């Protein structure tokens, strides 16, 4: 492992622990006496690349950044932390790998994000829903909001 600061090829592991699903977090220290800085690395099991089946039938590689981009747009200027977004992405990816071998429908991914975001921030949820569910008019918004509004009145 190269030190990210001085590029020395000799480092040692100071601490190692399991973090998320199948991810190992390691604290490392550069063995160069001139540097001796510490840094963190994450090791993840390399899995078979998951393909996403789009609405039009095309297959594209699973891309965490596409999910992140959609979530960040939905959560723009909302009290949703980067950690919450990362947790949603991790959960969606883990569920996709758990439930599908090689190909996952884009609809499944969207539903996962949709359901998780509902519990995090209702405004971000509605923003995401407006794009994901392709609302055509205000009535579509109202239909989506009614269950949430009824739940809040209780």
N, C-alpha and C. Protein backbone atom coordinates (compact mmCIF):
# COMPACT_ATOMS: atom_id res chain seq x y z
N UNK A 1 0.86 -1.17 0.00
CA UNK A 1 0.00 0.00 0.00
C UNK A 1 0.90 1.23 0.00
N UNK A 2 0.69 2.11 -0.96
CA UNK A 2 1.47 3.34 -1.04
C UNK A 2 0.88 4.40 -0.12
N UNK A 3 1.73 5.14 0.54
CA UNK A 3 1.30 6.27 1.36
C UNK A 3 0.74 7.34 0.42
N UNK A 4 -0.47 7.85 0.66
CA UNK A 4 -1.04 8.86 -0.23
C UNK A 4 -0.34 10.22 -0.12
N UNK A 5 0.49 10.39 0.90
CA UNK A 5 1.15 11.67 1.11
C UNK A 5 2.55 11.72 0.50
N UNK A 6 3.36 10.67 0.76
CA UNK A 6 4.75 10.70 0.29
C UNK A 6 5.03 9.62 -0.76
N UNK A 7 4.06 8.77 -1.04
CA UNK A 7 4.17 7.70 -2.04
C UNK A 7 5.13 6.58 -1.64
N UNK A 8 5.52 6.54 -0.37
CA UNK A 8 6.37 5.45 0.11
C UNK A 8 5.58 4.14 0.03
N UNK A 9 6.25 3.07 -0.37
CA UNK A 9 5.57 1.79 -0.55
C UNK A 9 5.46 0.94 0.70
N UNK A 10 5.94 1.43 1.82
CA UNK A 10 5.92 0.65 3.04
C UNK A 10 5.02 1.32 4.07
N UNK A 11 3.95 0.61 4.45
CA UNK A 11 3.04 1.09 5.49
C UNK A 11 2.72 -0.09 6.40
N UNK A 12 2.21 0.21 7.58
CA UNK A 12 1.78 -0.87 8.46
C UNK A 12 0.34 -0.60 8.92
N UNK A 13 -0.37 -1.68 9.18
CA UNK A 13 -1.75 -1.59 9.66
C UNK A 13 -1.72 -1.41 11.17
N UNK A 14 -2.37 -0.35 11.64
CA UNK A 14 -2.43 -0.06 13.07
C UNK A 14 -3.69 -0.66 13.68
N UNK A 15 -4.79 -0.54 12.95
CA UNK A 15 -6.08 -1.01 13.45
C UNK A 15 -6.89 -1.52 12.27
N UNK A 16 -7.65 -2.56 12.49
CA UNK A 16 -8.48 -3.14 11.43
C UNK A 16 -9.82 -3.52 12.04
N UNK A 17 -10.91 -3.11 11.39
CA UNK A 17 -12.23 -3.49 11.90
C UNK A 17 -13.24 -3.55 10.77
N UNK A 18 -14.26 -4.34 11.00
CA UNK A 18 -15.35 -4.49 10.05
C UNK A 18 -16.21 -3.23 10.12
N UNK A 19 -16.53 -2.64 8.97
CA UNK A 19 -17.46 -1.52 9.01
C UNK A 19 -18.78 -1.99 8.42
N UNK A 20 -19.14 -1.57 7.22
CA UNK A 20 -20.42 -1.97 6.64
C UNK A 20 -20.36 -3.40 6.14
N UNK A 21 -21.38 -3.80 5.38
CA UNK A 21 -21.44 -5.15 4.83
C UNK A 21 -20.20 -5.46 4.01
N UNK A 22 -19.41 -6.41 4.47
CA UNK A 22 -18.24 -6.91 3.74
C UNK A 22 -17.21 -5.83 3.43
N UNK A 23 -17.11 -4.82 4.28
CA UNK A 23 -16.11 -3.77 4.10
C UNK A 23 -15.23 -3.76 5.33
N UNK A 24 -13.93 -3.75 5.13
CA UNK A 24 -12.98 -3.70 6.24
C UNK A 24 -12.29 -2.35 6.25
N UNK A 25 -12.33 -1.68 7.39
CA UNK A 25 -11.69 -0.38 7.57
C UNK A 25 -10.33 -0.62 8.22
N UNK A 26 -9.28 -0.06 7.62
CA UNK A 26 -7.94 -0.22 8.18
C UNK A 26 -7.29 1.14 8.39
N UNK A 27 -6.75 1.33 9.59
CA UNK A 27 -5.93 2.52 9.88
C UNK A 27 -4.50 2.11 9.58
N UNK A 28 -3.81 2.92 8.82
CA UNK A 28 -2.44 2.60 8.42
C UNK A 28 -1.52 3.75 8.79
N UNK A 29 -0.23 3.40 8.89
CA UNK A 29 0.79 4.40 9.18
C UNK A 29 1.94 4.21 8.20
N UNK A 30 2.41 5.33 7.64
CA UNK A 30 3.55 5.30 6.72
C UNK A 30 4.81 4.98 7.53
N UNK A 31 5.64 4.07 7.00
CA UNK A 31 6.86 3.68 7.72
C UNK A 31 8.06 4.56 7.37
N UNK A 32 7.85 5.52 6.49
CA UNK A 32 8.92 6.47 6.18
C UNK A 32 9.08 7.39 7.39
N UNK A 33 10.32 7.49 7.88
CA UNK A 33 10.56 8.35 9.05
C UNK A 33 10.33 9.82 8.72
N UNK A 34 10.47 10.20 7.46
CA UNK A 34 10.25 11.58 7.07
C UNK A 34 8.76 11.93 7.06
N UNK A 35 7.91 10.93 6.86
CA UNK A 35 6.47 11.17 6.73
C UNK A 35 5.73 10.73 8.01
N UNK A 36 5.65 9.43 8.22
CA UNK A 36 5.01 8.83 9.40
C UNK A 36 3.55 9.24 9.59
N UNK A 37 2.89 9.65 8.51
CA UNK A 37 1.48 10.07 8.62
C UNK A 37 0.57 8.87 8.64
N UNK A 38 -0.63 9.07 9.17
CA UNK A 38 -1.62 8.01 9.25
C UNK A 38 -2.76 8.29 8.27
N UNK A 39 -3.36 7.21 7.77
CA UNK A 39 -4.49 7.35 6.85
C UNK A 39 -5.37 6.11 6.97
N UNK A 40 -6.57 6.21 6.41
CA UNK A 40 -7.54 5.12 6.48
C UNK A 40 -7.79 4.56 5.09
N UNK A 41 -7.87 3.24 5.00
CA UNK A 41 -8.24 2.58 3.75
C UNK A 41 -9.45 1.70 4.02
N UNK A 42 -10.20 1.42 2.96
CA UNK A 42 -11.34 0.52 3.04
C UNK A 42 -11.14 -0.60 2.03
N UNK A 43 -11.32 -1.82 2.47
CA UNK A 43 -11.21 -2.97 1.57
C UNK A 43 -12.60 -3.55 1.41
N UNK A 44 -12.95 -3.82 0.16
CA UNK A 44 -14.26 -4.36 -0.14
C UNK A 44 -14.09 -5.57 -1.05
N UNK A 45 -14.90 -6.56 -0.82
CA UNK A 45 -14.85 -7.76 -1.66
C UNK A 45 -15.24 -7.38 -3.07
N UNK A 46 -14.44 -7.83 -4.03
CA UNK A 46 -14.77 -7.56 -5.42
C UNK A 46 -15.81 -8.58 -5.86
N UNK A 47 -16.95 -8.07 -6.27
CA UNK A 47 -18.05 -8.94 -6.66
C UNK A 47 -18.24 -8.90 -8.16
N UNK A 48 -19.05 -9.83 -8.64
CA UNK A 48 -19.40 -9.83 -10.05
C UNK A 48 -20.12 -8.52 -10.35
N UNK A 49 -19.71 -7.87 -11.41
CA UNK A 49 -20.30 -6.59 -11.76
C UNK A 49 -21.79 -6.76 -12.04
N UNK A 50 -22.58 -5.98 -11.34
CA UNK A 50 -24.03 -6.02 -11.49
C UNK A 50 -24.42 -5.12 -12.65
N UNK A 51 -25.33 -5.59 -13.47
CA UNK A 51 -25.85 -4.79 -14.58
C UNK A 51 -27.24 -4.31 -14.22
N UNK A 52 -27.58 -3.11 -14.66
CA UNK A 52 -28.91 -2.55 -14.44
C UNK A 52 -29.67 -2.63 -15.75
N UNK A 53 -30.88 -3.19 -15.68
CA UNK A 53 -31.74 -3.26 -16.86
C UNK A 53 -32.61 -2.02 -16.87
N UNK A 54 -32.37 -1.15 -17.84
CA UNK A 54 -33.10 0.12 -17.95
C UNK A 54 -34.52 -0.12 -18.49
N UNK A 55 -35.36 0.90 -18.42
CA UNK A 55 -36.74 0.79 -18.92
C UNK A 55 -36.79 0.37 -20.38
N UNK A 56 -35.84 0.85 -21.17
CA UNK A 56 -35.84 0.55 -22.60
C UNK A 56 -35.18 -0.80 -22.92
N UNK A 57 -34.77 -1.54 -21.88
CA UNK A 57 -34.17 -2.85 -22.09
C UNK A 57 -32.65 -2.84 -22.17
N UNK A 58 -32.05 -1.68 -22.29
CA UNK A 58 -30.58 -1.60 -22.32
C UNK A 58 -30.01 -2.03 -20.98
N UNK A 59 -28.81 -2.55 -21.02
CA UNK A 59 -28.12 -2.96 -19.80
C UNK A 59 -26.87 -2.11 -19.62
N UNK A 60 -26.75 -1.53 -18.45
CA UNK A 60 -25.61 -0.68 -18.13
C UNK A 60 -25.03 -1.14 -16.80
N UNK A 61 -23.74 -0.89 -16.56
CA UNK A 61 -23.14 -1.28 -15.26
C UNK A 61 -23.81 -0.53 -14.10
N UNK A 62 -23.96 -1.22 -12.97
CA UNK A 62 -24.47 -0.59 -11.76
C UNK A 62 -23.51 0.54 -11.38
N UNK A 63 -24.06 1.71 -11.08
CA UNK A 63 -23.22 2.88 -10.81
C UNK A 63 -23.73 3.60 -9.57
N UNK A 64 -22.98 3.49 -8.48
CA UNK A 64 -23.34 4.17 -7.24
C UNK A 64 -23.45 5.68 -7.43
N UNK A 65 -22.63 6.21 -8.32
CA UNK A 65 -22.61 7.66 -8.53
C UNK A 65 -23.91 8.17 -9.16
N UNK A 66 -24.55 7.35 -9.95
CA UNK A 66 -25.85 7.75 -10.53
C UNK A 66 -26.88 7.88 -9.42
N UNK A 67 -26.87 6.94 -8.49
CA UNK A 67 -27.79 7.00 -7.35
C UNK A 67 -27.46 8.22 -6.51
N UNK A 68 -26.17 8.43 -6.25
CA UNK A 68 -25.74 9.59 -5.46
C UNK A 68 -26.20 10.90 -6.11
N UNK A 69 -26.04 11.00 -7.42
CA UNK A 69 -26.43 12.21 -8.14
C UNK A 69 -27.92 12.49 -7.98
N UNK A 70 -28.74 11.46 -8.14
CA UNK A 70 -30.18 11.63 -7.98
C UNK A 70 -30.55 12.03 -6.56
N UNK A 71 -29.91 11.39 -5.58
CA UNK A 71 -30.18 11.73 -4.18
C UNK A 71 -29.73 13.15 -3.84
N UNK A 72 -28.57 13.54 -4.33
CA UNK A 72 -28.08 14.89 -4.04
C UNK A 72 -28.99 15.96 -4.64
N UNK A 73 -29.51 15.70 -5.82
CA UNK A 73 -30.46 16.65 -6.42
C UNK A 73 -31.73 16.74 -5.59
N UNK A 74 -32.24 15.59 -5.16
CA UNK A 74 -33.46 15.57 -4.37
C UNK A 74 -33.25 16.21 -2.99
N UNK A 75 -32.05 16.07 -2.44
CA UNK A 75 -31.76 16.56 -1.09
C UNK A 75 -31.12 17.95 -1.08
N UNK A 76 -31.03 18.60 -2.24
CA UNK A 76 -30.40 19.92 -2.33
C UNK A 76 -31.08 20.90 -1.38
N UNK A 77 -30.29 21.55 -0.52
CA UNK A 77 -30.74 22.52 0.48
C UNK A 77 -31.74 21.91 1.47
N UNK A 78 -31.57 20.63 1.76
CA UNK A 78 -32.37 19.94 2.75
C UNK A 78 -31.43 19.45 3.85
N UNK A 79 -31.96 19.23 5.06
CA UNK A 79 -31.10 18.78 6.16
C UNK A 79 -30.80 17.28 6.10
N UNK A 80 -30.22 16.87 4.98
CA UNK A 80 -29.84 15.47 4.80
C UNK A 80 -28.32 15.43 4.65
N UNK A 81 -27.68 14.68 5.53
CA UNK A 81 -26.22 14.66 5.54
C UNK A 81 -25.66 13.73 4.45
N UNK A 82 -24.41 13.94 4.15
CA UNK A 82 -23.71 13.07 3.20
C UNK A 82 -23.68 11.64 3.72
N UNK A 83 -23.61 11.47 5.03
CA UNK A 83 -23.61 10.14 5.63
C UNK A 83 -24.95 9.44 5.40
N UNK A 84 -26.04 10.18 5.51
CA UNK A 84 -27.36 9.59 5.27
C UNK A 84 -27.49 9.15 3.81
N UNK A 85 -27.00 9.98 2.91
CA UNK A 85 -27.03 9.63 1.49
C UNK A 85 -26.20 8.38 1.25
N UNK A 86 -25.02 8.32 1.86
CA UNK A 86 -24.14 7.16 1.70
C UNK A 86 -24.79 5.89 2.26
N UNK A 87 -25.49 6.02 3.38
CA UNK A 87 -26.18 4.86 3.95
C UNK A 87 -27.26 4.34 3.02
N UNK A 88 -28.01 5.25 2.40
CA UNK A 88 -29.04 4.85 1.44
C UNK A 88 -28.41 4.10 0.27
N UNK A 89 -27.34 4.68 -0.28
CA UNK A 89 -26.66 4.05 -1.42
C UNK A 89 -26.15 2.67 -1.03
N UNK A 90 -25.51 2.56 0.14
CA UNK A 90 -24.98 1.27 0.60
C UNK A 90 -26.10 0.24 0.75
N UNK A 91 -27.22 0.68 1.31
CA UNK A 91 -28.35 -0.23 1.52
C UNK A 91 -28.90 -0.71 0.17
N UNK A 92 -29.07 0.21 -0.76
CA UNK A 92 -29.61 -0.13 -2.08
C UNK A 92 -28.67 -1.11 -2.79
N UNK A 93 -27.37 -0.83 -2.73
CA UNK A 93 -26.41 -1.71 -3.39
C UNK A 93 -26.40 -3.10 -2.74
N UNK A 94 -26.42 -3.14 -1.42
CA UNK A 94 -26.42 -4.43 -0.71
C UNK A 94 -27.67 -5.23 -1.04
N UNK A 95 -28.82 -4.57 -1.07
CA UNK A 95 -30.07 -5.27 -1.40
C UNK A 95 -30.06 -5.77 -2.84
N UNK A 96 -29.52 -4.99 -3.74
CA UNK A 96 -29.45 -5.42 -5.14
C UNK A 96 -28.58 -6.66 -5.26
N UNK A 97 -27.43 -6.69 -4.59
CA UNK A 97 -26.56 -7.86 -4.63
C UNK A 97 -27.19 -9.06 -3.92
N UNK A 98 -27.94 -8.78 -2.86
CA UNK A 98 -28.56 -9.85 -2.10
C UNK A 98 -29.69 -10.52 -2.89
N UNK A 99 -30.42 -9.72 -3.67
CA UNK A 99 -31.62 -10.23 -4.33
C UNK A 99 -31.46 -10.58 -5.81
N UNK A 100 -30.35 -10.17 -6.41
CA UNK A 100 -30.14 -10.42 -7.83
C UNK A 100 -28.72 -10.93 -8.05
N UNK A 101 -28.57 -11.84 -9.00
CA UNK A 101 -27.25 -12.41 -9.27
C UNK A 101 -26.40 -11.50 -10.15
N UNK A 102 -26.91 -11.20 -11.34
CA UNK A 102 -26.11 -10.43 -12.31
C UNK A 102 -26.82 -9.19 -12.83
N UNK A 103 -28.14 -9.20 -12.85
CA UNK A 103 -28.89 -8.09 -13.42
C UNK A 103 -30.02 -7.67 -12.48
N UNK A 104 -30.17 -6.37 -12.33
CA UNK A 104 -31.21 -5.82 -11.47
C UNK A 104 -32.01 -4.79 -12.28
N UNK A 105 -33.34 -4.83 -12.22
CA UNK A 105 -34.13 -3.83 -12.94
C UNK A 105 -33.95 -2.45 -12.31
N UNK A 106 -33.89 -1.43 -13.15
CA UNK A 106 -33.74 -0.06 -12.64
C UNK A 106 -34.93 0.30 -11.75
N UNK A 107 -36.08 -0.28 -12.04
CA UNK A 107 -37.29 -0.02 -11.25
C UNK A 107 -37.07 -0.45 -9.79
N UNK A 108 -36.39 -1.58 -9.59
CA UNK A 108 -36.12 -2.08 -8.24
C UNK A 108 -35.25 -1.07 -7.48
N UNK A 109 -34.21 -0.57 -8.14
CA UNK A 109 -33.31 0.40 -7.51
C UNK A 109 -34.09 1.66 -7.14
N UNK A 110 -34.89 2.15 -8.08
CA UNK A 110 -35.69 3.35 -7.82
C UNK A 110 -36.63 3.17 -6.65
N UNK A 111 -37.29 2.01 -6.57
CA UNK A 111 -38.21 1.74 -5.46
C UNK A 111 -37.48 1.70 -4.13
N UNK A 112 -36.29 1.11 -4.12
CA UNK A 112 -35.50 1.06 -2.89
C UNK A 112 -35.17 2.48 -2.41
N UNK A 113 -34.65 3.30 -3.32
CA UNK A 113 -34.31 4.69 -2.97
C UNK A 113 -35.56 5.41 -2.51
N UNK A 114 -36.61 5.26 -3.26
CA UNK A 114 -37.91 5.88 -2.99
C UNK A 114 -38.36 5.58 -1.56
N UNK A 115 -38.36 4.30 -1.18
CA UNK A 115 -38.83 3.89 0.14
C UNK A 115 -37.91 4.35 1.27
N UNK A 116 -36.61 4.34 1.04
CA UNK A 116 -35.67 4.78 2.08
C UNK A 116 -35.70 6.29 2.27
N UNK A 117 -35.83 7.02 1.18
CA UNK A 117 -35.82 8.49 1.26
C UNK A 117 -37.07 9.01 1.96
N UNK A 118 -38.17 8.27 1.87
CA UNK A 118 -39.42 8.66 2.51
C UNK A 118 -39.23 8.84 4.01
N UNK A 119 -38.38 7.99 4.61
CA UNK A 119 -38.15 8.05 6.06
C UNK A 119 -37.10 9.08 6.45
N UNK A 120 -36.32 9.55 5.49
CA UNK A 120 -35.23 10.49 5.79
C UNK A 120 -35.70 11.94 5.72
N UNK A 121 -36.35 12.32 4.63
CA UNK A 121 -36.79 13.70 4.45
C UNK A 121 -37.95 13.72 3.47
N UNK A 122 -39.11 14.22 3.91
CA UNK A 122 -40.31 14.17 3.07
C UNK A 122 -40.23 15.10 1.86
N UNK A 123 -39.57 16.24 1.99
CA UNK A 123 -39.44 17.14 0.85
C UNK A 123 -38.53 16.51 -0.21
N UNK A 124 -37.42 15.96 0.23
CA UNK A 124 -36.51 15.28 -0.70
C UNK A 124 -37.21 14.09 -1.34
N UNK A 125 -38.03 13.41 -0.56
CA UNK A 125 -38.80 12.28 -1.07
C UNK A 125 -39.72 12.73 -2.21
N UNK A 126 -40.43 13.83 -2.02
CA UNK A 126 -41.35 14.33 -3.05
C UNK A 126 -40.57 14.77 -4.28
N UNK A 127 -39.43 15.41 -4.08
CA UNK A 127 -38.59 15.80 -5.22
C UNK A 127 -38.16 14.58 -6.02
N UNK A 128 -37.68 13.55 -5.30
CA UNK A 128 -37.24 12.33 -5.97
C UNK A 128 -38.42 11.66 -6.67
N UNK A 129 -39.56 11.62 -5.98
CA UNK A 129 -40.75 10.98 -6.55
C UNK A 129 -41.21 11.68 -7.82
N UNK A 130 -41.08 13.00 -7.86
CA UNK A 130 -41.54 13.74 -9.04
C UNK A 130 -40.77 13.34 -10.29
N UNK A 131 -39.50 13.01 -10.14
CA UNK A 131 -38.69 12.58 -11.28
C UNK A 131 -38.88 11.08 -11.50
N UNK A 132 -38.78 10.31 -10.42
CA UNK A 132 -38.83 8.85 -10.52
C UNK A 132 -40.20 8.38 -11.04
N UNK A 133 -41.27 8.94 -10.50
CA UNK A 133 -42.61 8.52 -10.89
C UNK A 133 -43.12 9.28 -12.12
N UNK A 134 -42.30 10.21 -12.61
CA UNK A 134 -42.63 10.97 -13.82
C UNK A 134 -44.01 11.63 -13.72
N UNK A 135 -44.19 12.44 -12.68
CA UNK A 135 -45.46 13.14 -12.49
C UNK A 135 -45.78 13.98 -13.72
N UNK A 136 -47.01 13.89 -14.16
CA UNK A 136 -47.45 14.65 -15.33
C UNK A 136 -48.07 15.99 -14.95
N UNK A 137 -48.74 16.02 -13.80
CA UNK A 137 -49.40 17.26 -13.37
C UNK A 137 -49.52 17.29 -11.85
N UNK A 138 -50.18 18.33 -11.35
CA UNK A 138 -50.33 18.54 -9.91
C UNK A 138 -51.10 17.39 -9.26
N UNK A 139 -52.06 16.83 -9.97
CA UNK A 139 -52.84 15.72 -9.40
C UNK A 139 -51.96 14.53 -9.03
N UNK A 140 -50.93 14.28 -9.82
CA UNK A 140 -50.00 13.21 -9.50
C UNK A 140 -49.27 13.48 -8.18
N UNK A 141 -48.90 14.76 -7.96
CA UNK A 141 -48.26 15.15 -6.70
C UNK A 141 -49.22 14.90 -5.54
N UNK A 142 -50.45 15.35 -5.70
CA UNK A 142 -51.44 15.23 -4.63
C UNK A 142 -51.66 13.76 -4.28
N UNK A 143 -51.76 12.90 -5.28
CA UNK A 143 -51.96 11.47 -5.02
C UNK A 143 -50.80 10.89 -4.21
N UNK A 144 -49.59 11.34 -4.50
CA UNK A 144 -48.43 10.83 -3.78
C UNK A 144 -48.36 11.39 -2.36
N UNK A 145 -48.81 12.63 -2.18
CA UNK A 145 -48.73 13.28 -0.87
C UNK A 145 -49.85 12.88 0.09
N UNK A 146 -51.00 12.51 -0.42
CA UNK A 146 -52.14 12.21 0.44
C UNK A 146 -51.83 11.20 1.55
N UNK A 147 -51.21 10.07 1.25
CA UNK A 147 -50.91 9.13 2.35
C UNK A 147 -49.99 9.74 3.42
N UNK A 148 -49.04 10.54 3.00
CA UNK A 148 -48.14 11.17 3.97
C UNK A 148 -48.89 12.18 4.83
N UNK A 149 -49.77 12.94 4.21
CA UNK A 149 -50.52 13.95 4.94
C UNK A 149 -51.48 13.27 5.93
N UNK A 150 -52.12 12.19 5.53
CA UNK A 150 -53.01 11.46 6.45
C UNK A 150 -52.22 10.91 7.63
N UNK A 151 -51.04 10.41 7.40
CA UNK A 151 -50.20 9.86 8.47
C UNK A 151 -49.77 10.94 9.45
N UNK A 152 -49.51 12.16 8.95
CA UNK A 152 -49.08 13.26 9.82
C UNK A 152 -50.23 13.76 10.71
N UNK A 153 -51.46 13.61 10.27
CA UNK A 153 -52.63 14.09 11.05
C UNK A 153 -52.93 13.21 12.24
N UNK A 154 -52.41 11.98 12.22
CA UNK A 154 -52.71 11.05 13.32
C UNK A 154 -51.94 11.34 14.53
